[in-house]
């Protein structure tokens, strides 16, 4: 199916649909095509959009989405479920965070550009053909190869209607950690475009590491089904994980404690540790074991992200600290 041919409102009702959507040609004469899994209920209802592998080294959603597709019956569904298990195909093919074709990070170029490079075209297609039709949007992420993040559900933290709907859906999802992000959401993200469109949105994180832990996949599968039950799309919810932390912060992992020197990084704190301002977070050493830099917390809070890859270049992100909800 060509990009200009796709209209989710025209999908036949009461069916499961698996197809590939043309985005752009490839240099070898082939084509970049996004995999789309859709379930259309026999009865009208909300439209839920779920995406995964916006970064090519994040696998939990790639495994979870086909399982969700298998478990949702058109006969028991109100509304429409639209899912893309791999959004960033160029990056996925090479197990990289960003595209090796144009060097762009798909999670920083939304709403995209229909006449741009492959990453920009993917963002544009998702925006124009999926997000504008969504009543709620879930973007399945994890820490990928380089970062370790606890299993969580992120939401838009705001007193307005969009924030209230986002928080309610996040609670329904049932991950062990809630992480709220006050508006405005940093630009370029899928959830920032959803917010601009007035669509409540959620996103996940998980430890990652180039590997999808079965329990995280199960959490994501159950979470999406829980949200569908919350929206009235299905009758039964699988159930939620016990909530252990409710955190709040900007969620911008581009602005974190970064490496002042290149070398070998070793963290001296663990995920979800509560630290005071000035606390020791880790060291960077050279090949001979000489300490090149000591990393200290610039503020008090909860450690929500740690760099997993020990090798660091100057400027690489090392640690992110956020706050508890009071």
Foldseek 3Di string as FASTA:
>chain_A
DELVPDAVVPDDAQDWDWDWYFQAADPVRHTDTFIKIKHHAPAAFFEEEEEEQLFQQFQLLLVQVVVLSVPDGNPQFHHMYMYTSHLQVQRNVVNGRDHPVPRDRLQAQPCADSPDDRSRSSNVSCLPRPLLRHQEYEYEGEQGQWKFFAKAKEWECDPDPLNVVRVVLRVLLAIQEYEYAYDDQDPRGPCNSSVVSVHTYMYIYHGRNSDHDPVSSVSNNLSVQSSSCVRVGGPDGPDHYHHDFYFYDNPPLLDAQWDQAWAFKDFPDDAFDWDAFFQWTIFGAHPVRHTPDTDGHNHTAGWRMATDGGTHHGGHHGTHGTHGDD
